[in-house]
Amino acid sequence: MTPAEYIQLKAFARIDGALLSLLWIASFACYVVGIASPMYGMIALGLMVVTPFFVGRRLGKFRDEGRNGIISLSRGWAYSVFVFFYAAILLALAQYVYFAYIDQGYLLSSFRQFMSSPESKQVLEQYGMQQTMTESLEMMGQMRPIDYALNVLTVNIVIGIVLGFPIAALMKKGCK
């Protein structure tokens, strides 16, 4: 890959990463709202499931418009990883802002309220998970906004590395 091709790949990936981050931020917003309204929770799940298809479609567009219809597996994988990387950074930034300035303990109190319902208590007791969930909620309460953001950043980058390969394999065209 020449330096000009690398610059082109990163430029397309930055734009598509920004678009993917909008999809992820909308999913996160629906998740937060979905705590009180299950319909939004389903929308959040749907938006997350769409992610690999969205990246595949954007990779196809890059292949057809930026690479004249030809892209190798390694270049497709690099493009996909960069898209996930840029989107993960923007999502982490959005989540940091949410947890630092907007949430004010809403998410944690919603989880605690859900776990204290009689149905949840019964299920947790049946599976012997009551103590584990209590400890998890306490640990979540001690986390700082940056901890949430860095955790999500790391997870999404790893997901991008893993999902990038099958996406690139499906979109590879014109190279051996």
N, C-alpha and C. Protein backbone atom coordinates (compact mmCIF):
# COMPACT_ATOMS: atom_id res chain seq x y z
N MET A 1 0.86 -1.17 0.00
CA MET A 1 0.00 0.00 0.00
C MET A 1 0.91 1.24 0.00
N THR A 2 0.64 2.12 -0.93
CA THR A 2 1.43 3.35 -1.02
C THR A 2 0.95 4.35 0.03
N PRO A 3 1.77 5.35 0.34
CA PRO A 3 1.32 6.37 1.31
C PRO A 3 0.02 7.06 0.88
N ALA A 4 -0.14 7.31 -0.40
CA ALA A 4 -1.37 7.96 -0.88
C ALA A 4 -2.58 7.04 -0.68
N GLU A 5 -2.41 5.76 -0.92
CA GLU A 5 -3.51 4.81 -0.72
C GLU A 5 -3.87 4.69 0.77
N TYR A 6 -2.84 4.74 1.62
CA TYR A 6 -3.08 4.68 3.06
C TYR A 6 -3.85 5.91 3.53
N ILE A 7 -3.48 7.08 3.02
CA ILE A 7 -4.19 8.32 3.36
C ILE A 7 -5.64 8.24 2.89
N GLN A 8 -5.84 7.71 1.68
CA GLN A 8 -7.20 7.55 1.13
C GLN A 8 -8.02 6.60 2.01
N LEU A 9 -7.43 5.48 2.39
CA LEU A 9 -8.14 4.50 3.22
C LEU A 9 -8.56 5.13 4.54
N LYS A 10 -7.64 5.85 5.18
CA LYS A 10 -7.96 6.46 6.46
C LYS A 10 -9.00 7.57 6.32
N ALA A 11 -8.97 8.31 5.21
CA ALA A 11 -9.95 9.38 5.00
C ALA A 11 -11.36 8.81 4.86
N PHE A 12 -11.50 7.76 4.06
CA PHE A 12 -12.80 7.12 3.91
C PHE A 12 -13.24 6.51 5.25
N ALA A 13 -12.30 5.88 5.96
CA ALA A 13 -12.63 5.24 7.23
C ALA A 13 -13.06 6.25 8.28
N ARG A 14 -12.44 7.44 8.28
CA ARG A 14 -12.84 8.47 9.26
C ARG A 14 -14.28 8.91 9.02
N ILE A 15 -14.63 9.13 7.78
CA ILE A 15 -16.00 9.54 7.46
C ILE A 15 -16.98 8.44 7.84
N ASP A 16 -16.67 7.22 7.45
CA ASP A 16 -17.58 6.11 7.75
C ASP A 16 -17.59 5.78 9.24
N GLY A 17 -16.48 6.01 9.93
CA GLY A 17 -16.45 5.84 11.38
C GLY A 17 -17.34 6.86 12.07
N ALA A 18 -17.35 8.08 11.55
CA ALA A 18 -18.24 9.10 12.11
C ALA A 18 -19.70 8.72 11.90
N LEU A 19 -20.01 8.17 10.73
CA LEU A 19 -21.39 7.73 10.47
C LEU A 19 -21.77 6.56 11.38
N LEU A 20 -20.84 5.61 11.54
CA LEU A 20 -21.11 4.48 12.44
C LEU A 20 -21.29 4.96 13.87
N SER A 21 -20.52 5.96 14.28
CA SER A 21 -20.66 6.47 15.64
C SER A 21 -22.05 7.07 15.85
N LEU A 22 -22.60 7.71 14.83
CA LEU A 22 -23.97 8.23 14.96
C LEU A 22 -24.96 7.09 15.18
N LEU A 23 -24.75 5.99 14.47
CA LEU A 23 -25.61 4.81 14.66
C LEU A 23 -25.47 4.28 16.08
N TRP A 24 -24.24 4.20 16.58
CA TRP A 24 -23.99 3.68 17.93
C TRP A 24 -24.50 4.64 19.00
N ILE A 25 -24.34 5.93 18.79
CA ILE A 25 -24.83 6.89 19.77
C ILE A 25 -26.35 6.85 19.83
N ALA A 26 -27.00 6.70 18.67
CA ALA A 26 -28.46 6.55 18.66
C ALA A 26 -28.86 5.27 19.39
N SER A 27 -28.10 4.20 19.20
CA SER A 27 -28.38 2.95 19.90
C SER A 27 -28.23 3.12 21.40
N PHE A 28 -27.18 3.81 21.83
CA PHE A 28 -26.97 4.04 23.26
C PHE A 28 -28.09 4.89 23.85
N ALA A 29 -28.50 5.92 23.11
CA ALA A 29 -29.60 6.77 23.57
C ALA A 29 -30.89 5.95 23.70
N CYS A 30 -31.14 5.11 22.72
CA CYS A 30 -32.34 4.25 22.80
C CYS A 30 -32.23 3.27 23.95
N TYR A 31 -31.03 2.78 24.24
CA TYR A 31 -30.83 1.88 25.37
C TYR A 31 -31.18 2.58 26.68
N VAL A 32 -30.69 3.80 26.85
CA VAL A 32 -30.96 4.55 28.08
C VAL A 32 -32.45 4.83 28.21
N VAL A 33 -33.07 5.27 27.14
CA VAL A 33 -34.52 5.52 27.17
C VAL A 33 -35.29 4.21 27.31
N GLY A 34 -34.72 3.14 26.76
CA GLY A 34 -35.36 1.83 26.79
C GLY A 34 -35.49 1.23 28.17
N ILE A 35 -34.78 1.78 29.15
CA ILE A 35 -34.93 1.30 30.52
C ILE A 35 -36.35 1.55 31.00
N ALA A 36 -36.90 2.69 30.60
CA ALA A 36 -38.26 3.03 30.99
C ALA A 36 -39.29 2.60 29.95
N SER A 37 -38.87 2.43 28.71
CA SER A 37 -39.78 2.08 27.62
C SER A 37 -39.16 0.96 26.79
N PRO A 38 -39.62 -0.27 26.95
CA PRO A 38 -39.00 -1.42 26.29
C PRO A 38 -38.92 -1.33 24.76
N MET A 39 -39.82 -0.57 24.15
CA MET A 39 -39.78 -0.44 22.70
C MET A 39 -38.44 0.18 22.25
N TYR A 40 -37.97 1.17 22.98
CA TYR A 40 -36.68 1.78 22.65
C TYR A 40 -35.53 0.81 22.87
N GLY A 41 -35.67 -0.07 23.84
CA GLY A 41 -34.66 -1.09 24.06
C GLY A 41 -34.53 -2.02 22.86
N MET A 42 -35.65 -2.35 22.25
CA MET A 42 -35.63 -3.19 21.04
C MET A 42 -34.99 -2.44 19.88
N ILE A 43 -35.26 -1.15 19.78
CA ILE A 43 -34.64 -0.34 18.73
C ILE A 43 -33.13 -0.30 18.94
N ALA A 44 -32.70 -0.15 20.18
CA ALA A 44 -31.26 -0.13 20.50
C ALA A 44 -30.60 -1.43 20.05
N LEU A 45 -31.24 -2.54 20.35
CA LEU A 45 -30.71 -3.84 19.96
C LEU A 45 -30.65 -3.96 18.43
N GLY A 46 -31.70 -3.51 17.77
CA GLY A 46 -31.73 -3.54 16.31
C GLY A 46 -30.61 -2.72 15.69
N LEU A 47 -30.37 -1.54 16.25
CA LEU A 47 -29.30 -0.69 15.72
C LEU A 47 -27.93 -1.34 15.90
N MET A 48 -27.74 -2.06 16.99
CA MET A 48 -26.46 -2.74 17.20
C MET A 48 -26.29 -3.92 16.24
N VAL A 49 -27.38 -4.62 15.97
CA VAL A 49 -27.32 -5.77 15.05
C VAL A 49 -27.00 -5.31 13.63
N VAL A 50 -27.41 -4.12 13.27
CA VAL A 50 -27.20 -3.57 11.93
C VAL A 50 -25.73 -3.22 11.69
N THR A 51 -24.95 -3.07 12.74
CA THR A 51 -23.56 -2.59 12.63
C THR A 51 -22.72 -3.30 11.57
N PRO A 52 -22.60 -4.63 11.58
CA PRO A 52 -21.73 -5.26 10.57
C PRO A 52 -22.25 -5.06 9.15
N PHE A 53 -23.56 -5.01 8.98
CA PHE A 53 -24.12 -4.78 7.65
C PHE A 53 -23.83 -3.35 7.17
N PHE A 54 -23.90 -2.41 8.11
CA PHE A 54 -23.59 -1.02 7.78
C PHE A 54 -22.13 -0.90 7.36
N VAL A 55 -21.23 -1.50 8.13
CA VAL A 55 -19.80 -1.43 7.80
C VAL A 55 -19.54 -2.13 6.47
N GLY A 56 -20.18 -3.25 6.25
CA GLY A 56 -20.01 -3.96 4.97
C GLY A 56 -20.48 -3.13 3.79
N ARG A 57 -21.59 -2.45 3.97
CA ARG A 57 -22.10 -1.59 2.89
C ARG A 57 -21.15 -0.43 2.63
N ARG A 58 -20.62 0.16 3.70
CA ARG A 58 -19.68 1.28 3.53
C ARG A 58 -18.35 0.78 2.93
N LEU A 59 -17.93 -0.42 3.28
CA LEU A 59 -16.73 -1.00 2.68
C LEU A 59 -16.95 -1.21 1.19
N GLY A 60 -18.14 -1.68 0.82
CA GLY A 60 -18.46 -1.85 -0.60
C GLY A 60 -18.43 -0.53 -1.34
N LYS A 61 -18.91 0.50 -0.71
CA LYS A 61 -18.87 1.84 -1.32
C LYS A 61 -17.43 2.30 -1.49
N PHE A 62 -16.60 2.09 -0.48
CA PHE A 62 -15.18 2.45 -0.58
C PHE A 62 -14.52 1.65 -1.69
N ARG A 63 -14.82 0.36 -1.73
CA ARG A 63 -14.24 -0.51 -2.77
C ARG A 63 -14.62 -0.01 -4.17
N ASP A 64 -15.90 0.29 -4.35
CA ASP A 64 -16.38 0.67 -5.68
C ASP A 64 -16.00 2.08 -6.09
N GLU A 65 -16.04 3.02 -5.16
CA GLU A 65 -15.76 4.41 -5.50
C GLU A 65 -14.30 4.80 -5.30
N GLY A 66 -13.71 4.35 -4.21
CA GLY A 66 -12.34 4.75 -3.91
C GLY A 66 -11.29 3.83 -4.48
N ARG A 67 -11.63 2.57 -4.72
CA ARG A 67 -10.66 1.57 -5.19
C ARG A 67 -11.02 1.00 -6.55
N ASN A 68 -11.94 1.63 -7.27
CA ASN A 68 -12.33 1.20 -8.63
C ASN A 68 -12.80 -0.25 -8.68
N GLY A 69 -13.52 -0.67 -7.65
CA GLY A 69 -14.12 -2.00 -7.64
C GLY A 69 -13.21 -3.13 -7.22
N ILE A 70 -12.01 -2.82 -6.77
CA ILE A 70 -11.05 -3.86 -6.39
C ILE A 70 -10.55 -3.59 -4.98
N ILE A 71 -10.63 -4.61 -4.13
CA ILE A 71 -10.07 -4.48 -2.78
C ILE A 71 -9.63 -5.85 -2.28
N SER A 72 -8.47 -5.89 -1.66
CA SER A 72 -7.94 -7.14 -1.12
C SER A 72 -8.53 -7.39 0.27
N LEU A 73 -8.34 -8.60 0.73
CA LEU A 73 -8.81 -8.97 2.07
C LEU A 73 -8.11 -8.12 3.14
N SER A 74 -6.80 -7.96 3.02
CA SER A 74 -6.07 -7.22 4.04
C SER A 74 -6.45 -5.74 4.04
N ARG A 75 -6.64 -5.16 2.88
CA ARG A 75 -7.02 -3.75 2.82
C ARG A 75 -8.46 -3.57 3.33
N GLY A 76 -9.35 -4.50 3.00
CA GLY A 76 -10.72 -4.44 3.51
C GLY A 76 -10.76 -4.59 5.01
N TRP A 77 -9.91 -5.48 5.54
CA TRP A 77 -9.85 -5.66 6.99
C TRP A 77 -9.32 -4.40 7.66
N ALA A 78 -8.27 -3.81 7.09
CA ALA A 78 -7.70 -2.58 7.66
C ALA A 78 -8.75 -1.47 7.65
N TYR A 79 -9.47 -1.34 6.56
CA TYR A 79 -10.51 -0.33 6.46
C TYR A 79 -11.57 -0.55 7.55
N SER A 80 -12.03 -1.78 7.70
CA SER A 80 -13.07 -2.10 8.69
C SER A 80 -12.58 -1.81 10.11
N VAL A 81 -11.35 -2.18 10.40
CA VAL A 81 -10.79 -1.93 11.74
C VAL A 81 -10.72 -0.43 12.00
N PHE A 82 -10.29 0.34 11.01
CA PHE A 82 -10.23 1.80 11.18
C PHE A 82 -11.62 2.38 11.40
N VAL A 83 -12.61 1.89 10.67
CA VAL A 83 -13.99 2.40 10.84
C VAL A 83 -14.45 2.15 12.27
N PHE A 84 -14.26 0.93 12.76
CA PHE A 84 -14.65 0.61 14.12
C PHE A 84 -13.85 1.46 15.12
N PHE A 85 -12.58 1.66 14.86
CA PHE A 85 -11.73 2.44 15.76
C PHE A 85 -12.23 3.87 15.88
N TYR A 86 -12.46 4.52 14.75
CA TYR A 86 -12.92 5.91 14.79
C TYR A 86 -14.31 6.02 15.42
N ALA A 87 -15.19 5.09 15.11
CA ALA A 87 -16.52 5.10 15.71
C ALA A 87 -16.44 4.87 17.21
N ALA A 88 -15.55 3.97 17.64
CA ALA A 88 -15.40 3.67 19.07
C ALA A 88 -14.91 4.89 19.84
N ILE A 89 -14.01 5.65 19.24
CA ILE A 89 -13.51 6.86 19.90
C ILE A 89 -14.65 7.87 20.09
N LEU A 90 -15.44 8.08 19.05
CA LEU A 90 -16.53 9.05 19.15
C LEU A 90 -17.62 8.59 20.12
N LEU A 91 -17.93 7.28 20.10
CA LEU A 91 -18.92 6.76 21.05
C LEU A 91 -18.41 6.89 22.48
N ALA A 92 -17.15 6.58 22.70
CA ALA A 92 -16.58 6.71 24.05
C ALA A 92 -16.65 8.15 24.53
N LEU A 93 -16.37 9.08 23.65
CA LEU A 93 -16.47 10.49 23.99
C LEU A 93 -17.91 10.86 24.36
N ALA A 94 -18.86 10.40 23.56
CA ALA A 94 -20.27 10.68 23.84
C ALA A 94 -20.70 10.05 25.17
N GLN A 95 -20.25 8.83 25.44
CA GLN A 95 -20.62 8.19 26.70
C GLN A 95 -19.95 8.87 27.89
N TYR A 96 -18.74 9.34 27.71
CA TYR A 96 -18.10 10.09 28.79
C TYR A 96 -18.93 11.33 29.12
N VAL A 97 -19.32 12.07 28.11
CA VAL A 97 -20.14 13.27 28.33
C VAL A 97 -21.45 12.90 29.00
N TYR A 98 -22.06 11.80 28.56
CA TYR A 98 -23.33 11.37 29.16
C TYR A 98 -23.14 11.05 30.64
N PHE A 99 -22.17 10.20 30.96
CA PHE A 99 -22.00 9.77 32.35
C PHE A 99 -21.47 10.89 33.25
N ALA A 100 -20.67 11.79 32.69
CA ALA A 100 -20.10 12.85 33.50
C ALA A 100 -21.09 13.99 33.76
N TYR A 101 -21.94 14.30 32.78
CA TYR A 101 -22.75 15.51 32.89
C TYR A 101 -24.26 15.30 32.81
N ILE A 102 -24.72 14.19 32.30
CA ILE A 102 -26.17 14.02 32.06
C ILE A 102 -26.79 12.98 32.98
N ASP A 103 -26.15 11.84 33.14
CA ASP A 103 -26.74 10.69 33.82
C ASP A 103 -27.12 10.96 35.27
N GLN A 104 -26.24 11.51 36.05
CA GLN A 104 -26.47 11.80 37.47
C GLN A 104 -26.99 10.59 38.26
N GLY A 105 -26.50 9.40 37.91
CA GLY A 105 -26.89 8.19 38.63
C GLY A 105 -28.15 7.51 38.14
N TYR A 106 -28.75 7.99 37.05
CA TYR A 106 -30.00 7.43 36.55
C TYR A 106 -29.86 5.96 36.17
N LEU A 107 -28.84 5.64 35.40
CA LEU A 107 -28.67 4.27 34.92
C LEU A 107 -28.47 3.29 36.08
N LEU A 108 -27.61 3.65 37.00
CA LEU A 108 -27.34 2.77 38.14
C LEU A 108 -28.57 2.61 39.02
N SER A 109 -29.29 3.68 39.27
CA SER A 109 -30.50 3.57 40.10
C SER A 109 -31.57 2.75 39.39
N SER A 110 -31.62 2.84 38.07
CA SER A 110 -32.58 2.02 37.31
C SER A 110 -32.22 0.54 37.44
N PHE A 111 -30.93 0.22 37.35
CA PHE A 111 -30.50 -1.17 37.52
C PHE A 111 -30.83 -1.66 38.93
N ARG A 112 -30.55 -0.83 39.93
CA ARG A 112 -30.84 -1.22 41.32
C ARG A 112 -32.33 -1.45 41.52
N GLN A 113 -33.14 -0.57 40.96
CA GLN A 113 -34.59 -0.71 41.07
C GLN A 113 -35.06 -2.00 40.40
N PHE A 114 -34.51 -2.29 39.24
CA PHE A 114 -34.88 -3.51 38.53
C PHE A 114 -34.47 -4.75 39.33
N MET A 115 -33.28 -4.73 39.90
CA MET A 115 -32.78 -5.88 40.65
C MET A 115 -33.50 -6.06 41.99
N SER A 116 -34.14 -5.02 42.48
CA SER A 116 -34.85 -5.14 43.76
C SER A 116 -36.31 -5.57 43.58
N SER A 117 -36.75 -5.72 42.34
CA SER A 117 -38.13 -6.18 42.13
C SER A 117 -38.24 -7.63 42.58
N PRO A 118 -39.43 -8.04 43.05
CA PRO A 118 -39.60 -9.42 43.54
C PRO A 118 -39.25 -10.48 42.49
N GLU A 119 -39.60 -10.22 41.23
CA GLU A 119 -39.32 -11.19 40.17
C GLU A 119 -37.82 -11.37 39.97
N SER A 120 -37.10 -10.25 39.94
CA SER A 120 -35.65 -10.31 39.75
C SER A 120 -34.97 -10.99 40.92
N LYS A 121 -35.41 -10.65 42.13
CA LYS A 121 -34.83 -11.28 43.32
C LYS A 121 -35.01 -12.79 43.28
N GLN A 122 -36.20 -13.23 42.87
CA GLN A 122 -36.48 -14.66 42.82
C GLN A 122 -35.58 -15.36 41.79
N VAL A 123 -35.43 -14.77 40.62
CA VAL A 123 -34.58 -15.36 39.59
C VAL A 123 -33.12 -15.39 40.04
N LEU A 124 -32.65 -14.30 40.63
CA LEU A 124 -31.27 -14.25 41.10
C LEU A 124 -31.01 -15.27 42.19
N GLU A 125 -31.97 -15.46 43.08
CA GLU A 125 -31.82 -16.46 44.14
C GLU A 125 -31.80 -17.87 43.57
N GLN A 126 -32.65 -18.14 42.57
CA GLN A 126 -32.69 -19.46 41.96
C GLN A 126 -31.35 -19.83 41.32
N TYR A 127 -30.70 -18.85 40.71
CA TYR A 127 -29.42 -19.10 40.06
C TYR A 127 -28.22 -18.82 40.95
N GLY A 128 -28.47 -18.42 42.19
CA GLY A 128 -27.40 -18.15 43.12
C GLY A 128 -26.54 -16.95 42.73
N MET A 129 -27.18 -15.96 42.15
CA MET A 129 -26.45 -14.80 41.62
C MET A 129 -26.70 -13.52 42.42
N GLN A 130 -27.43 -13.59 43.51
CA GLN A 130 -27.78 -12.40 44.28
C GLN A 130 -26.54 -11.65 44.74
N GLN A 131 -25.60 -12.35 45.34
CA GLN A 131 -24.38 -11.72 45.84
C GLN A 131 -23.56 -11.14 44.70
N THR A 132 -23.46 -11.86 43.61
CA THR A 132 -22.69 -11.39 42.45
C THR A 132 -23.28 -10.10 41.90
N MET A 133 -24.58 -10.04 41.77
CA MET A 133 -25.23 -8.85 41.24
C MET A 133 -25.08 -7.67 42.19
N THR A 134 -25.18 -7.92 43.48
CA THR A 134 -24.99 -6.85 44.47
C THR A 134 -23.58 -6.28 44.37
N GLU A 135 -22.59 -7.16 44.27
CA GLU A 135 -21.21 -6.71 44.15
C GLU A 135 -20.99 -5.96 42.83
N SER A 136 -21.61 -6.44 41.76
CA SER A 136 -21.47 -5.78 40.46
C SER A 136 -22.06 -4.37 40.50
N LEU A 137 -23.22 -4.23 41.11
CA LEU A 137 -23.84 -2.91 41.21
C LEU A 137 -23.00 -1.96 42.08
N GLU A 138 -22.41 -2.50 43.15
CA GLU A 138 -21.53 -1.68 43.98
C GLU A 138 -20.30 -1.23 43.19
N MET A 139 -19.74 -2.14 42.42
CA MET A 139 -18.58 -1.81 41.62
C MET A 139 -18.93 -0.77 40.54
N MET A 140 -20.10 -0.90 39.93
CA MET A 140 -20.53 0.08 38.94
C MET A 140 -20.68 1.46 39.57
N GLY A 141 -21.15 1.50 40.81
CA GLY A 141 -21.31 2.77 41.50
C GLY A 141 -19.99 3.46 41.79
N GLN A 142 -18.92 2.70 41.86
CA GLN A 142 -17.61 3.27 42.14
C GLN A 142 -16.86 3.68 40.89
N MET A 143 -17.36 3.30 39.73
CA MET A 143 -16.67 3.63 38.48
C MET A 143 -16.86 5.11 38.13
N ARG A 144 -15.82 5.67 37.54
CA ARG A 144 -15.88 7.05 37.08
C ARG A 144 -16.37 7.07 35.63
N PRO A 145 -16.84 8.19 35.15
CA PRO A 145 -17.29 8.28 33.74
C PRO A 145 -16.21 7.86 32.75
N ILE A 146 -14.96 8.19 33.03
CA ILE A 146 -13.88 7.81 32.11
C ILE A 146 -13.70 6.30 32.08
N ASP A 147 -13.98 5.62 33.20
CA ASP A 147 -13.88 4.16 33.25
C ASP A 147 -14.90 3.52 32.31
N TYR A 148 -16.13 4.02 32.33
CA TYR A 148 -17.16 3.52 31.42
C TYR A 148 -16.73 3.74 29.97
N ALA A 149 -16.26 4.94 29.69
CA ALA A 149 -15.89 5.29 28.31
C ALA A 149 -14.73 4.43 27.81
N LEU A 150 -13.71 4.23 28.63
CA LEU A 150 -12.56 3.42 28.22
C LEU A 150 -12.93 1.95 28.05
N ASN A 151 -13.82 1.48 28.90
CA ASN A 151 -14.29 0.10 28.77
C ASN A 151 -15.01 -0.10 27.44
N VAL A 152 -15.91 0.81 27.12
CA VAL A 152 -16.65 0.72 25.86
C VAL A 152 -15.71 0.88 24.67
N LEU A 153 -14.75 1.78 24.78
CA LEU A 153 -13.77 1.97 23.71
C LEU A 153 -13.02 0.68 23.43
N THR A 154 -12.52 0.05 24.47
CA THR A 154 -11.76 -1.19 24.32
C THR A 154 -12.60 -2.30 23.71
N VAL A 155 -13.80 -2.48 24.22
CA VAL A 155 -14.68 -3.54 23.72
C VAL A 155 -15.01 -3.31 22.25
N ASN A 156 -15.31 -2.09 21.86
CA ASN A 156 -15.68 -1.83 20.47
C ASN A 156 -14.50 -1.97 19.52
N ILE A 157 -13.31 -1.65 19.96
CA ILE A 157 -12.13 -1.86 19.11
C ILE A 157 -11.90 -3.36 18.90
N VAL A 158 -12.02 -4.13 19.96
CA VAL A 158 -11.85 -5.59 19.84
C VAL A 158 -12.93 -6.17 18.93
N ILE A 159 -14.16 -5.70 19.07
CA ILE A 159 -15.24 -6.17 18.19
C ILE A 159 -14.91 -5.83 16.74
N GLY A 160 -14.36 -4.64 16.51
CA GLY A 160 -13.98 -4.25 15.16
C GLY A 160 -12.90 -5.13 14.57
N ILE A 161 -11.92 -5.49 15.39
CA ILE A 161 -10.85 -6.37 14.92
C ILE A 161 -11.41 -7.73 14.54
N VAL A 162 -12.32 -8.23 15.36
CA VAL A 162 -12.90 -9.55 15.11
C VAL A 162 -13.87 -9.52 13.94
N LEU A 163 -14.80 -8.57 13.93
CA LEU A 163 -15.80 -8.51 12.86
C LEU A 163 -15.22 -8.02 11.53
N GLY A 164 -14.09 -7.31 11.59
CA GLY A 164 -13.49 -6.78 10.37
C GLY A 164 -13.10 -7.86 9.39
N PHE A 165 -12.64 -8.99 9.89
CA PHE A 165 -12.20 -10.05 8.98
C PHE A 165 -13.34 -10.64 8.17
N PRO A 166 -14.44 -11.10 8.79
CA PRO A 166 -15.52 -11.65 7.94
C PRO A 166 -16.16 -10.60 7.02
N ILE A 167 -16.23 -9.36 7.50
CA ILE A 167 -16.78 -8.30 6.65
C ILE A 167 -15.88 -8.13 5.42
N ALA A 168 -14.58 -8.05 5.64
CA ALA A 168 -13.63 -7.88 4.54
C ALA A 168 -13.64 -9.09 3.61
N ALA A 169 -13.78 -10.28 4.18
CA ALA A 169 -13.80 -11.49 3.36
C ALA A 169 -15.01 -11.49 2.42
N LEU A 170 -16.15 -11.04 2.94
CA LEU A 170 -17.36 -11.00 2.11
C LEU A 170 -17.30 -9.91 1.03
N MET A 171 -16.60 -8.83 1.32
CA MET A 171 -16.57 -7.69 0.40
C MET A 171 -15.35 -7.70 -0.53
N LYS A 172 -14.42 -8.62 -0.33
CA LYS A 172 -13.22 -8.72 -1.16
C LYS A 172 -13.63 -8.94 -2.61
N LYS A 173 -12.91 -8.23 -3.50
CA LYS A 173 -13.25 -8.36 -4.90
C LYS A 173 -12.06 -8.00 -5.78
N GLY A 174 -11.77 -8.85 -6.73
CA GLY A 174 -10.76 -8.52 -7.73
C GLY A 174 -9.34 -8.82 -7.34
N CYS A 175 -9.07 -9.31 -6.15
CA CYS A 175 -7.71 -9.65 -5.71
C CYS A 175 -7.69 -11.09 -5.23
N LYS A 176 -6.53 -11.70 -5.33
CA LYS A 176 -6.40 -13.07 -4.82
C LYS A 176 -5.85 -13.07 -3.43
